[in-house]
Amino acid sequence: MQDAVVTFMIRHIRKGDHVMDIGANRGTYTYSMARAVGGAGRVYSFEPNPVIAKQLRNNISAPNVMIENLAVSDTEEDKVFYRHTKGAGPTSSLEFYDVLAKAGELEEVTVRCVTLDSYCRAKGLRPALIKVDVEGHEFNVFRGAAKTIVEHRPVLVFEFIEQLWESKKINEIFSLLAPAYRLIRIEDGADALAAYEGYQPQSDPDFRTSRVVNIGCIPRKQ
């Protein structure tokens, strides 16, 4: 069965679109996005972890994919990035050291940050869809993409672990996007799209169990 997030994205991507994969990891979604946009389109994939970025380049060498070993935030500067060295951690991140440390040993790496507004302006991009998986740094990504979101109204998809569901920054994202977007929860199943309000996390706070939450954001009609 096709991943529910992939199904959602493909539904909103057309041939020739320019799309962005923020927090691409090893490229599972980048690959699907590259197929969806076709040869005339382009996927811009960002992965700040240098080790994973190298694996991403080895996994995907399609001519319509641009891989950037950069972090995306709301400022243009070098920042400390936390990545797991041992343990079954969910991911690495610029945020939530105390939460991520529960899932395994961490090390600090300095990474270069860009904003999507400056990146899109420099390259003349009009993204049709932006997928974000940066474990707690989503609000900063969207704040750094404010002009791009207002001007181009891309479909948005973002993912985070349940342990962050009630964090202040996640609630700030909902408040930031809700006026211009219809927010839905994307779930595996028979075309399962559900309201995000009232969702009850079921993962253990100490990472003995962990699930991800996927939110799709569809622009409201103007």
N, C-alpha and C. Protein backbone atom coordinates (compact mmCIF):
# COMPACT_ATOMS: atom_id res chain seq x y z
N MET A 1 0.85 -1.19 0.00
CA MET A 1 0.00 0.00 0.00
C MET A 1 0.89 1.25 0.00
N GLN A 2 0.54 2.23 -0.80
CA GLN A 2 1.32 3.45 -0.89
C GLN A 2 1.19 4.27 0.39
N ASP A 3 2.29 4.85 0.82
CA ASP A 3 2.32 5.70 2.00
C ASP A 3 1.28 6.81 1.88
N ALA A 4 0.56 7.08 2.97
CA ALA A 4 -0.51 8.08 2.94
C ALA A 4 0.01 9.47 2.61
N VAL A 5 1.21 9.80 3.09
CA VAL A 5 1.78 11.11 2.79
C VAL A 5 2.13 11.22 1.31
N VAL A 6 2.68 10.15 0.75
CA VAL A 6 2.98 10.14 -0.68
C VAL A 6 1.70 10.31 -1.49
N THR A 7 0.66 9.60 -1.10
CA THR A 7 -0.63 9.71 -1.79
C THR A 7 -1.13 11.15 -1.75
N PHE A 8 -1.04 11.78 -0.58
CA PHE A 8 -1.48 13.16 -0.43
C PHE A 8 -0.67 14.09 -1.33
N MET A 9 0.65 13.94 -1.32
CA MET A 9 1.50 14.83 -2.11
C MET A 9 1.25 14.66 -3.60
N ILE A 10 1.19 13.42 -4.06
CA ILE A 10 0.97 13.17 -5.48
C ILE A 10 -0.33 13.80 -5.96
N ARG A 11 -1.32 13.79 -5.08
CA ARG A 11 -2.61 14.38 -5.42
C ARG A 11 -2.49 15.89 -5.67
N HIS A 12 -1.47 16.50 -5.08
CA HIS A 12 -1.34 17.96 -5.18
C HIS A 12 -0.12 18.41 -6.00
N ILE A 13 0.55 17.47 -6.65
CA ILE A 13 1.71 17.81 -7.49
C ILE A 13 1.36 17.55 -8.95
N ARG A 14 1.75 18.51 -9.80
CA ARG A 14 1.55 18.34 -11.24
C ARG A 14 2.90 18.27 -11.94
N LYS A 15 2.90 17.67 -13.12
CA LYS A 15 4.12 17.62 -13.92
C LYS A 15 4.63 19.04 -14.16
N GLY A 16 5.93 19.21 -13.97
CA GLY A 16 6.54 20.52 -14.18
C GLY A 16 6.61 21.38 -12.94
N ASP A 17 5.99 20.94 -11.84
CA ASP A 17 6.04 21.72 -10.59
C ASP A 17 7.44 21.75 -9.99
N HIS A 18 7.69 22.80 -9.23
CA HIS A 18 8.87 22.86 -8.37
C HIS A 18 8.41 22.63 -6.94
N VAL A 19 9.00 21.66 -6.27
CA VAL A 19 8.59 21.30 -4.91
C VAL A 19 9.83 21.22 -4.02
N MET A 20 9.60 21.22 -2.70
CA MET A 20 10.72 21.25 -1.76
C MET A 20 10.54 20.19 -0.68
N ASP A 21 11.63 19.49 -0.38
CA ASP A 21 11.65 18.46 0.66
C ASP A 21 12.62 18.92 1.74
N ILE A 22 12.07 19.45 2.83
CA ILE A 22 12.89 20.01 3.91
C ILE A 22 13.05 18.96 5.00
N GLY A 23 14.26 18.49 5.19
CA GLY A 23 14.51 17.35 6.08
C GLY A 23 14.32 16.07 5.29
N ALA A 24 15.09 15.95 4.22
CA ALA A 24 14.87 14.87 3.25
C ALA A 24 15.33 13.50 3.74
N ASN A 25 16.21 13.48 4.75
CA ASN A 25 16.75 12.22 5.24
C ASN A 25 17.40 11.46 4.08
N ARG A 26 17.07 10.19 3.90
CA ARG A 26 17.73 9.41 2.84
C ARG A 26 16.97 9.45 1.51
N GLY A 27 15.88 10.21 1.45
CA GLY A 27 15.28 10.47 0.15
C GLY A 27 14.02 9.72 -0.22
N THR A 28 13.36 9.08 0.74
CA THR A 28 12.15 8.32 0.42
C THR A 28 11.11 9.21 -0.25
N TYR A 29 10.85 10.38 0.35
CA TYR A 29 9.86 11.28 -0.23
C TYR A 29 10.41 12.04 -1.43
N THR A 30 11.69 12.35 -1.40
CA THR A 30 12.31 13.02 -2.56
C THR A 30 12.12 12.19 -3.82
N TYR A 31 12.32 10.89 -3.69
CA TYR A 31 12.17 9.99 -4.85
C TYR A 31 10.75 10.06 -5.41
N SER A 32 9.75 9.98 -4.53
CA SER A 32 8.35 10.02 -4.98
C SER A 32 8.01 11.37 -5.58
N MET A 33 8.53 12.43 -4.99
CA MET A 33 8.28 13.78 -5.50
C MET A 33 8.92 13.97 -6.87
N ALA A 34 10.12 13.41 -7.06
CA ALA A 34 10.81 13.54 -8.34
C ALA A 34 10.03 12.85 -9.45
N ARG A 35 9.46 11.70 -9.15
CA ARG A 35 8.63 11.01 -10.13
C ARG A 35 7.37 11.81 -10.45
N ALA A 36 6.82 12.45 -9.43
CA ALA A 36 5.56 13.19 -9.62
C ALA A 36 5.76 14.45 -10.47
N VAL A 37 6.87 15.16 -10.29
CA VAL A 37 7.07 16.40 -11.04
C VAL A 37 7.56 16.14 -12.46
N GLY A 38 8.14 14.97 -12.70
CA GLY A 38 8.60 14.63 -14.04
C GLY A 38 9.86 15.38 -14.44
N GLY A 39 10.29 15.15 -15.67
CA GLY A 39 11.53 15.74 -16.15
C GLY A 39 11.51 17.25 -16.25
N ALA A 40 10.33 17.83 -16.43
CA ALA A 40 10.22 19.28 -16.54
C ALA A 40 10.14 19.97 -15.18
N GLY A 41 9.97 19.19 -14.11
CA GLY A 41 9.87 19.76 -12.77
C GLY A 41 11.19 19.68 -12.03
N ARG A 42 11.13 20.04 -10.75
CA ARG A 42 12.36 20.05 -9.96
C ARG A 42 12.02 19.83 -8.49
N VAL A 43 12.86 19.04 -7.82
CA VAL A 43 12.74 18.83 -6.38
C VAL A 43 13.99 19.41 -5.72
N TYR A 44 13.79 20.25 -4.72
CA TYR A 44 14.88 20.83 -3.94
C TYR A 44 14.87 20.16 -2.57
N SER A 45 15.87 19.32 -2.32
CA SER A 45 15.91 18.51 -1.10
C SER A 45 16.99 19.04 -0.15
N PHE A 46 16.59 19.31 1.08
CA PHE A 46 17.50 19.85 2.09
C PHE A 46 17.71 18.82 3.19
N GLU A 47 18.97 18.52 3.47
CA GLU A 47 19.31 17.59 4.55
C GLU A 47 20.55 18.13 5.27
N PRO A 48 20.40 18.61 6.52
CA PRO A 48 21.53 19.23 7.22
C PRO A 48 22.57 18.26 7.75
N ASN A 49 22.19 17.03 8.05
CA ASN A 49 23.14 16.05 8.58
C ASN A 49 24.10 15.65 7.45
N PRO A 50 25.38 15.99 7.54
CA PRO A 50 26.30 15.72 6.44
C PRO A 50 26.44 14.25 6.09
N VAL A 51 26.35 13.38 7.09
CA VAL A 51 26.45 11.94 6.83
C VAL A 51 25.24 11.46 6.02
N ILE A 52 24.05 11.90 6.44
CA ILE A 52 22.83 11.50 5.74
C ILE A 52 22.75 12.16 4.37
N ALA A 53 23.22 13.40 4.27
CA ALA A 53 23.21 14.09 2.97
C ALA A 53 24.05 13.34 1.94
N LYS A 54 25.17 12.78 2.39
CA LYS A 54 26.01 11.99 1.49
C LYS A 54 25.27 10.74 1.04
N GLN A 55 24.57 10.08 1.96
CA GLN A 55 23.78 8.90 1.60
C GLN A 55 22.65 9.28 0.64
N LEU A 56 22.05 10.45 0.88
CA LEU A 56 20.98 10.93 -0.01
C LEU A 56 21.50 11.11 -1.43
N ARG A 57 22.68 11.68 -1.57
CA ARG A 57 23.26 11.86 -2.91
C ARG A 57 23.57 10.52 -3.56
N ASN A 58 23.98 9.54 -2.76
CA ASN A 58 24.24 8.21 -3.31
C ASN A 58 22.96 7.51 -3.72
N ASN A 59 21.87 7.79 -2.99
CA ASN A 59 20.59 7.13 -3.28
C ASN A 59 19.88 7.73 -4.48
N ILE A 60 20.01 9.04 -4.66
CA ILE A 60 19.25 9.72 -5.71
C ILE A 60 20.18 10.60 -6.53
N SER A 61 20.27 10.30 -7.80
CA SER A 61 21.11 11.09 -8.71
C SER A 61 20.30 11.59 -9.90
N ALA A 62 18.99 11.70 -9.74
CA ALA A 62 18.12 12.13 -10.83
C ALA A 62 18.43 13.57 -11.21
N PRO A 63 18.38 13.89 -12.51
CA PRO A 63 18.71 15.25 -12.96
C PRO A 63 17.72 16.31 -12.50
N ASN A 64 16.53 15.89 -12.08
CA ASN A 64 15.54 16.87 -11.63
C ASN A 64 15.51 17.04 -10.11
N VAL A 65 16.59 16.59 -9.44
CA VAL A 65 16.69 16.72 -7.98
C VAL A 65 17.94 17.53 -7.63
N MET A 66 17.74 18.58 -6.85
CA MET A 66 18.84 19.39 -6.32
C MET A 66 18.96 19.10 -4.83
N ILE A 67 20.10 18.57 -4.41
CA ILE A 67 20.31 18.22 -3.00
C ILE A 67 21.18 19.27 -2.34
N GLU A 68 20.69 19.82 -1.23
CA GLU A 68 21.39 20.86 -0.49
C GLU A 68 21.73 20.37 0.91
N ASN A 69 23.01 20.37 1.26
CA ASN A 69 23.43 20.02 2.62
C ASN A 69 23.34 21.27 3.50
N LEU A 70 22.09 21.69 3.75
CA LEU A 70 21.80 22.90 4.50
C LEU A 70 20.63 22.65 5.44
N ALA A 71 20.59 23.40 6.54
CA ALA A 71 19.41 23.43 7.39
C ALA A 71 18.53 24.59 6.96
N VAL A 72 17.24 24.49 7.22
CA VAL A 72 16.30 25.55 6.88
C VAL A 72 15.72 26.10 8.17
N SER A 73 15.73 27.43 8.31
CA SER A 73 15.27 28.06 9.55
C SER A 73 14.67 29.42 9.23
N ASP A 74 14.66 30.32 10.22
CA ASP A 74 14.16 31.67 10.01
C ASP A 74 15.27 32.71 10.06
N THR A 75 16.51 32.25 10.10
CA THR A 75 17.68 33.13 10.06
C THR A 75 18.74 32.51 9.17
N GLU A 76 19.65 33.36 8.68
CA GLU A 76 20.76 32.90 7.85
C GLU A 76 22.02 32.95 8.71
N GLU A 77 22.40 31.80 9.26
CA GLU A 77 23.56 31.76 10.15
C GLU A 77 23.95 30.30 10.39
N ASP A 78 25.07 30.11 11.06
CA ASP A 78 25.47 28.78 11.49
C ASP A 78 24.79 28.47 12.82
N LYS A 79 24.28 27.24 12.95
CA LYS A 79 23.61 26.82 14.18
C LYS A 79 24.08 25.44 14.60
N VAL A 80 23.88 25.13 15.88
CA VAL A 80 24.21 23.80 16.39
C VAL A 80 23.08 22.84 16.04
N PHE A 81 23.46 21.71 15.49
CA PHE A 81 22.52 20.67 15.06
C PHE A 81 22.80 19.43 15.89
N TYR A 82 21.75 18.80 16.43
CA TYR A 82 21.90 17.60 17.25
C TYR A 82 21.59 16.36 16.42
N ARG A 83 22.49 15.40 16.41
CA ARG A 83 22.22 14.17 15.68
C ARG A 83 22.54 12.97 16.56
N HIS A 84 21.79 11.89 16.34
CA HIS A 84 21.98 10.68 17.13
C HIS A 84 23.21 9.91 16.66
N THR A 85 23.98 9.43 17.62
CA THR A 85 25.11 8.57 17.31
C THR A 85 24.86 7.13 17.72
N LYS A 86 23.99 6.94 18.74
CA LYS A 86 23.61 5.60 19.19
C LYS A 86 22.16 5.63 19.61
N GLY A 87 21.55 4.47 19.66
CA GLY A 87 20.16 4.40 20.10
C GLY A 87 19.21 4.53 18.93
N ALA A 88 17.95 4.21 19.20
CA ALA A 88 16.94 4.22 18.14
C ALA A 88 16.21 5.55 18.11
N GLY A 89 16.97 6.63 17.98
CA GLY A 89 16.37 7.96 17.95
C GLY A 89 15.52 8.17 16.72
N PRO A 90 14.47 9.02 16.82
CA PRO A 90 13.59 9.24 15.71
C PRO A 90 14.23 10.03 14.59
N THR A 91 15.14 10.93 14.92
CA THR A 91 15.77 11.77 13.91
C THR A 91 16.77 12.66 14.60
N SER A 92 17.27 13.64 13.86
CA SER A 92 18.13 14.66 14.44
C SER A 92 17.46 16.00 14.22
N SER A 93 17.95 17.03 14.93
CA SER A 93 17.19 18.27 14.90
C SER A 93 18.02 19.45 15.39
N LEU A 94 17.53 20.65 15.08
CA LEU A 94 18.07 21.87 15.65
C LEU A 94 17.44 22.17 17.01
N GLU A 95 16.42 21.41 17.38
CA GLU A 95 15.61 21.72 18.55
C GLU A 95 15.53 20.54 19.52
N PHE A 96 14.96 20.82 20.69
CA PHE A 96 14.51 19.82 21.66
C PHE A 96 15.59 18.81 22.05
N TYR A 97 16.75 19.34 22.46
CA TYR A 97 17.83 18.45 22.90
C TYR A 97 17.35 17.51 24.00
N ASP A 98 16.60 18.05 24.98
CA ASP A 98 16.18 17.23 26.12
C ASP A 98 15.26 16.11 25.70
N VAL A 99 14.38 16.37 24.71
CA VAL A 99 13.47 15.32 24.23
C VAL A 99 14.22 14.28 23.41
N LEU A 100 15.04 14.73 22.48
CA LEU A 100 15.76 13.80 21.61
C LEU A 100 16.77 12.96 22.38
N ALA A 101 17.34 13.52 23.43
CA ALA A 101 18.35 12.78 24.20
C ALA A 101 17.77 11.55 24.86
N LYS A 102 16.47 11.52 25.08
CA LYS A 102 15.84 10.34 25.68
C LYS A 102 15.90 9.14 24.74
N ALA A 103 16.07 9.39 23.45
CA ALA A 103 16.02 8.31 22.47
C ALA A 103 17.40 7.82 22.05
N GLY A 104 18.47 8.38 22.59
CA GLY A 104 19.79 7.91 22.21
C GLY A 104 20.84 8.98 22.42
N GLU A 105 22.11 8.61 22.27
CA GLU A 105 23.21 9.54 22.47
C GLU A 105 23.24 10.56 21.33
N LEU A 106 23.55 11.81 21.69
CA LEU A 106 23.58 12.89 20.71
C LEU A 106 24.97 13.49 20.60
N GLU A 107 25.28 14.02 19.43
CA GLU A 107 26.47 14.83 19.26
C GLU A 107 26.07 16.13 18.56
N GLU A 108 26.89 17.16 18.75
CA GLU A 108 26.61 18.46 18.16
C GLU A 108 27.42 18.65 16.88
N VAL A 109 26.76 19.18 15.86
CA VAL A 109 27.40 19.50 14.59
C VAL A 109 26.98 20.91 14.21
N THR A 110 27.89 21.71 13.72
CA THR A 110 27.54 23.05 13.26
C THR A 110 27.10 22.98 11.80
N VAL A 111 25.92 23.54 11.52
CA VAL A 111 25.38 23.50 10.17
C VAL A 111 25.02 24.91 9.72
N ARG A 112 25.00 25.11 8.41
CA ARG A 112 24.62 26.39 7.83
C ARG A 112 23.11 26.42 7.63
N CYS A 113 22.46 27.51 8.07
CA CYS A 113 21.02 27.67 7.92
C CYS A 113 20.69 28.70 6.84
N VAL A 114 19.63 28.44 6.11
CA VAL A 114 19.08 29.39 5.15
C VAL A 114 17.59 29.53 5.42
N THR A 115 16.99 30.58 4.89
CA THR A 115 15.54 30.70 4.94
C THR A 115 14.98 30.36 3.56
N LEU A 116 13.77 29.84 3.53
CA LEU A 116 13.16 29.54 2.24
C LEU A 116 12.87 30.81 1.47
N ASP A 117 12.54 31.89 2.16
CA ASP A 117 12.30 33.15 1.46
C ASP A 117 13.53 33.59 0.67
N SER A 118 14.70 33.57 1.31
CA SER A 118 15.91 34.01 0.61
C SER A 118 16.32 33.01 -0.47
N TYR A 119 16.16 31.72 -0.18
CA TYR A 119 16.53 30.70 -1.16
C TYR A 119 15.65 30.79 -2.39
N CYS A 120 14.34 30.89 -2.18
CA CYS A 120 13.42 30.96 -3.32
C CYS A 120 13.61 32.25 -4.11
N ARG A 121 13.87 33.34 -3.41
CA ARG A 121 14.09 34.62 -4.09
C ARG A 121 15.35 34.54 -4.95
N ALA A 122 16.42 33.97 -4.42
CA ALA A 122 17.69 33.89 -5.15
C ALA A 122 17.58 33.03 -6.40
N LYS A 123 16.75 31.99 -6.34
CA LYS A 123 16.62 31.08 -7.47
C LYS A 123 15.36 31.32 -8.30
N GLY A 124 14.57 32.31 -7.91
CA GLY A 124 13.35 32.60 -8.65
C GLY A 124 12.33 31.48 -8.60
N LEU A 125 12.20 30.83 -7.45
CA LEU A 125 11.32 29.67 -7.32
C LEU A 125 9.91 30.06 -6.90
N ARG A 126 8.93 29.32 -7.44
CA ARG A 126 7.54 29.42 -7.03
C ARG A 126 7.09 28.01 -6.62
N PRO A 127 7.43 27.58 -5.41
CA PRO A 127 7.14 26.19 -5.02
C PRO A 127 5.64 25.90 -4.97
N ALA A 128 5.27 24.75 -5.51
CA ALA A 128 3.87 24.32 -5.49
C ALA A 128 3.56 23.53 -4.23
N LEU A 129 4.57 22.89 -3.66
CA LEU A 129 4.39 22.08 -2.45
C LEU A 129 5.68 22.09 -1.65
N ILE A 130 5.55 22.19 -0.34
CA ILE A 130 6.70 22.14 0.56
C ILE A 130 6.43 21.10 1.63
N LYS A 131 7.29 20.09 1.71
CA LYS A 131 7.18 19.06 2.75
C LYS A 131 8.27 19.33 3.79
N VAL A 132 7.89 19.30 5.07
CA VAL A 132 8.81 19.64 6.15
C VAL A 132 8.82 18.54 7.20
N ASP A 133 10.02 18.05 7.53
CA ASP A 133 10.19 17.06 8.60
C ASP A 133 11.47 17.41 9.34
N VAL A 134 11.36 18.30 10.32
CA VAL A 134 12.54 18.81 11.01
C VAL A 134 12.43 18.72 12.53
N GLU A 135 11.52 17.92 13.03
CA GLU A 135 11.40 17.58 14.44
C GLU A 135 11.48 18.77 15.39
N GLY A 136 10.43 19.57 15.40
CA GLY A 136 10.33 20.65 16.35
C GLY A 136 10.78 22.01 15.84
N HIS A 137 11.42 22.06 14.68
CA HIS A 137 11.89 23.33 14.12
C HIS A 137 10.94 23.83 13.02
N GLU A 138 9.78 23.21 12.90
CA GLU A 138 8.86 23.56 11.82
C GLU A 138 8.42 25.02 11.85
N PHE A 139 8.13 25.52 13.04
CA PHE A 139 7.67 26.91 13.14
C PHE A 139 8.70 27.86 12.56
N ASN A 140 9.98 27.61 12.85
CA ASN A 140 11.04 28.46 12.32
C ASN A 140 11.13 28.36 10.81
N VAL A 141 10.95 27.15 10.28
CA VAL A 141 10.96 26.97 8.82
C VAL A 141 9.85 27.79 8.18
N PHE A 142 8.64 27.68 8.73
CA PHE A 142 7.51 28.40 8.14
C PHE A 142 7.64 29.91 8.34
N ARG A 143 8.18 30.33 9.47
CA ARG A 143 8.36 31.77 9.69
C ARG A 143 9.38 32.33 8.70
N GLY A 144 10.40 31.52 8.37
CA GLY A 144 11.38 31.95 7.39
C GLY A 144 10.90 31.82 5.96
N ALA A 145 9.69 31.28 5.78
CA ALA A 145 9.08 31.14 4.45
C ALA A 145 7.81 31.97 4.33
N ALA A 146 7.64 32.96 5.22
CA ALA A 146 6.39 33.71 5.30
C ALA A 146 6.02 34.37 3.98
N LYS A 147 6.97 35.03 3.33
CA LYS A 147 6.67 35.71 2.06
C LYS A 147 6.36 34.70 0.96
N THR A 148 7.11 33.62 0.93
CA THR A 148 6.88 32.57 -0.07
C THR A 148 5.49 31.98 0.09
N ILE A 149 5.08 31.74 1.32
CA ILE A 149 3.76 31.16 1.58
C ILE A 149 2.66 32.13 1.18
N VAL A 150 2.81 33.40 1.51
CA VAL A 150 1.78 34.40 1.17
C VAL A 150 1.70 34.61 -0.34
N GLU A 151 2.84 34.71 -1.01
CA GLU A 151 2.86 35.02 -2.44
C GLU A 151 2.47 33.84 -3.31
N HIS A 152 2.89 32.63 -2.94
CA HIS A 152 2.71 31.48 -3.84
C HIS A 152 1.73 30.44 -3.32
N ARG A 153 1.35 30.51 -2.05
CA ARG A 153 0.35 29.63 -1.46
C ARG A 153 0.58 28.15 -1.80
N PRO A 154 1.77 27.64 -1.50
CA PRO A 154 2.03 26.22 -1.77
C PRO A 154 1.25 25.32 -0.83
N VAL A 155 0.96 24.11 -1.27
CA VAL A 155 0.46 23.08 -0.36
C VAL A 155 1.60 22.76 0.60
N LEU A 156 1.28 22.54 1.86
CA LEU A 156 2.30 22.25 2.87
C LEU A 156 2.04 20.90 3.51
N VAL A 157 3.10 20.18 3.82
CA VAL A 157 3.01 18.92 4.56
C VAL A 157 4.10 18.96 5.62
N PHE A 158 3.73 18.71 6.88
CA PHE A 158 4.79 18.63 7.88
C PHE A 158 4.53 17.47 8.83
N GLU A 159 5.63 16.96 9.36
CA GLU A 159 5.61 15.76 10.20
C GLU A 159 6.38 16.02 11.48
N PHE A 160 5.92 15.43 12.58
CA PHE A 160 6.67 15.53 13.83
C PHE A 160 6.31 14.33 14.70
N ILE A 161 7.16 14.03 15.66
CA ILE A 161 6.89 12.91 16.56
C ILE A 161 5.84 13.31 17.59
N GLU A 162 5.05 12.33 18.03
CA GLU A 162 3.95 12.62 18.95
C GLU A 162 4.42 13.27 20.25
N GLN A 163 5.63 12.97 20.66
CA GLN A 163 6.12 13.54 21.92
C GLN A 163 6.16 15.07 21.87
N LEU A 164 6.11 15.65 20.68
CA LEU A 164 6.14 17.10 20.54
C LEU A 164 4.76 17.70 20.31
N TRP A 165 3.70 16.86 20.32
CA TRP A 165 2.36 17.30 19.93
C TRP A 165 1.88 18.51 20.72
N GLU A 166 2.10 18.52 22.02
CA GLU A 166 1.58 19.59 22.85
C GLU A 166 2.61 20.69 23.13
N SER A 167 3.71 20.68 22.42
CA SER A 167 4.71 21.71 22.63
C SER A 167 4.20 23.06 22.12
N LYS A 168 4.76 24.11 22.68
CA LYS A 168 4.33 25.46 22.31
C LYS A 168 4.55 25.72 20.83
N LYS A 169 5.68 25.26 20.30
CA LYS A 169 5.99 25.56 18.90
C LYS A 169 5.03 24.88 17.93
N ILE A 170 4.58 23.68 18.25
CA ILE A 170 3.63 23.01 17.37
C ILE A 170 2.31 23.78 17.35
N ASN A 171 1.86 24.22 18.52
CA ASN A 171 0.63 25.01 18.58
C ASN A 171 0.79 26.34 17.86
N GLU A 172 1.98 26.91 17.88
CA GLU A 172 2.23 28.15 17.15
C GLU A 172 2.11 27.94 15.65
N ILE A 173 2.50 26.76 15.17
CA ILE A 173 2.36 26.45 13.75
C ILE A 173 0.90 26.46 13.35
N PHE A 174 0.08 25.77 14.15
CA PHE A 174 -1.35 25.73 13.85
C PHE A 174 -1.94 27.14 13.80
N SER A 175 -1.56 27.98 14.75
CA SER A 175 -2.07 29.35 14.79
C SER A 175 -1.58 30.16 13.60
N LEU A 176 -0.34 29.92 13.19
CA LEU A 176 0.24 30.65 12.06
C LEU A 176 -0.43 30.30 10.74
N LEU A 177 -0.72 29.01 10.54
CA LEU A 177 -1.20 28.56 9.23
C LEU A 177 -2.71 28.50 9.10
N ALA A 178 -3.43 28.32 10.20
CA ALA A 178 -4.87 28.09 10.14
C ALA A 178 -5.66 29.18 9.40
N PRO A 179 -5.31 30.47 9.51
CA PRO A 179 -6.11 31.47 8.79
C PRO A 179 -6.10 31.30 7.27
N ALA A 180 -4.99 30.84 6.70
CA ALA A 180 -4.88 30.74 5.24
C ALA A 180 -4.97 29.31 4.72
N TYR A 181 -4.97 28.33 5.62
CA TYR A 181 -4.94 26.93 5.19
C TYR A 181 -5.98 26.10 5.94
N ARG A 182 -6.45 25.09 5.26
CA ARG A 182 -7.25 24.05 5.92
C ARG A 182 -6.29 22.95 6.35
N LEU A 183 -6.21 22.71 7.64
CA LEU A 183 -5.26 21.74 8.18
C LEU A 183 -5.95 20.41 8.44
N ILE A 184 -5.33 19.33 7.98
CA ILE A 184 -5.88 18.00 8.15
C ILE A 184 -4.79 17.05 8.61
N ARG A 185 -5.19 15.99 9.28
CA ARG A 185 -4.26 14.95 9.71
C ARG A 185 -4.26 13.86 8.66
N ILE A 186 -3.09 13.50 8.18
CA ILE A 186 -2.95 12.47 7.15
C ILE A 186 -2.64 11.15 7.84
N GLU A 187 -3.46 10.14 7.59
CA GLU A 187 -3.27 8.84 8.23
C GLU A 187 -3.30 7.73 7.20
N ASP A 188 -2.59 6.64 7.49
CA ASP A 188 -2.68 5.46 6.64
C ASP A 188 -4.08 4.89 6.73
N GLY A 189 -4.54 4.34 5.63
CA GLY A 189 -5.89 3.79 5.61
C GLY A 189 -6.59 4.17 4.33
N ALA A 190 -7.87 4.01 4.33
CA ALA A 190 -8.67 4.27 3.14
C ALA A 190 -8.88 5.77 2.97
N ASP A 191 -7.89 6.42 2.36
CA ASP A 191 -8.00 7.84 2.07
C ASP A 191 -8.30 8.63 3.35
N ALA A 192 -7.59 8.31 4.41
CA ALA A 192 -7.92 8.85 5.73
C ALA A 192 -7.37 10.27 5.90
N LEU A 193 -8.25 11.23 5.86
CA LEU A 193 -7.92 12.61 6.14
C LEU A 193 -8.84 13.06 7.26
N ALA A 194 -8.27 13.47 8.37
CA ALA A 194 -9.08 13.79 9.54
C ALA A 194 -8.69 15.15 10.10
N ALA A 195 -9.59 15.73 10.84
CA ALA A 195 -9.30 17.00 11.50
C ALA A 195 -8.19 16.78 12.52
N TYR A 196 -7.35 17.78 12.70
CA TYR A 196 -6.25 17.64 13.66
C TYR A 196 -6.70 17.99 15.07
N GLU A 197 -7.80 18.74 15.21
CA GLU A 197 -8.25 19.13 16.53
C GLU A 197 -8.69 17.91 17.34
N GLY A 198 -8.36 17.91 18.61
CA GLY A 198 -8.82 16.85 19.49
C GLY A 198 -8.01 15.57 19.42
N TYR A 199 -6.92 15.56 18.64
CA TYR A 199 -6.11 14.35 18.53
C TYR A 199 -5.42 14.06 19.87
N GLN A 200 -5.40 12.80 20.26
CA GLN A 200 -4.78 12.38 21.51
C GLN A 200 -3.54 11.54 21.23
N PRO A 201 -2.35 12.04 21.54
CA PRO A 201 -1.13 11.26 21.33
C PRO A 201 -1.15 9.96 22.11
N GLN A 202 -0.51 8.92 21.55
CA GLN A 202 -0.51 7.61 22.18
C GLN A 202 0.89 7.06 22.40
N SER A 203 1.89 7.86 22.10
CA SER A 203 3.26 7.40 22.28
C SER A 203 3.75 7.66 23.69
N ASP A 204 4.71 6.86 24.12
CA ASP A 204 5.31 7.01 25.44
C ASP A 204 6.27 8.20 25.44
N PRO A 205 6.21 9.08 26.45
CA PRO A 205 7.09 10.25 26.47
C PRO A 205 8.57 9.91 26.55
N ASP A 206 8.90 8.70 26.99
CA ASP A 206 10.30 8.29 27.08
C ASP A 206 10.74 7.45 25.89
N PHE A 207 9.94 7.47 24.81
CA PHE A 207 10.29 6.84 23.54
C PHE A 207 10.30 5.31 23.57
N ARG A 208 9.63 4.70 24.56
CA ARG A 208 9.48 3.25 24.47
C ARG A 208 8.56 2.91 23.29
N THR A 209 7.64 3.80 23.02
CA THR A 209 6.86 3.75 21.78
C THR A 209 6.86 5.15 21.18
N SER A 210 6.83 5.22 19.86
CA SER A 210 6.86 6.53 19.22
C SER A 210 6.14 6.47 17.87
N ARG A 211 5.26 7.41 17.65
CA ARG A 211 4.55 7.53 16.38
C ARG A 211 4.78 8.92 15.82
N VAL A 212 4.52 9.07 14.53
CA VAL A 212 4.62 10.39 13.92
C VAL A 212 3.23 10.89 13.56
N VAL A 213 3.08 12.19 13.54
CA VAL A 213 1.85 12.83 13.12
C VAL A 213 2.15 13.60 11.84
N ASN A 214 1.33 13.40 10.82
CA ASN A 214 1.50 14.10 9.55
C ASN A 214 0.33 15.05 9.34
N ILE A 215 0.64 16.31 9.07
CA ILE A 215 -0.38 17.33 8.85
C ILE A 215 -0.27 17.84 7.41
N GLY A 216 -1.39 17.84 6.71
CA GLY A 216 -1.47 18.42 5.38
C GLY A 216 -2.16 19.77 5.45
N CYS A 217 -1.65 20.74 4.71
CA CYS A 217 -2.19 22.11 4.74
C CYS A 217 -2.58 22.51 3.31
N ILE A 218 -3.87 22.65 3.09
CA ILE A 218 -4.40 22.98 1.77
C ILE A 218 -4.84 24.44 1.77
N PRO A 219 -4.35 25.25 0.82
CA PRO A 219 -4.72 26.67 0.82
C PRO A 219 -6.23 26.87 0.75
N ARG A 220 -6.73 27.77 1.59
CA ARG A 220 -8.15 28.12 1.52
C ARG A 220 -8.39 28.96 0.27
N LYS A 221 -9.58 28.88 -0.27
CA LYS A 221 -9.91 29.67 -1.45
C LYS A 221 -9.93 31.14 -1.08
N GLN A 222 -9.33 31.94 -1.96
CA GLN A 222 -9.26 33.38 -1.69
C GLN A 222 -10.53 34.07 -2.17
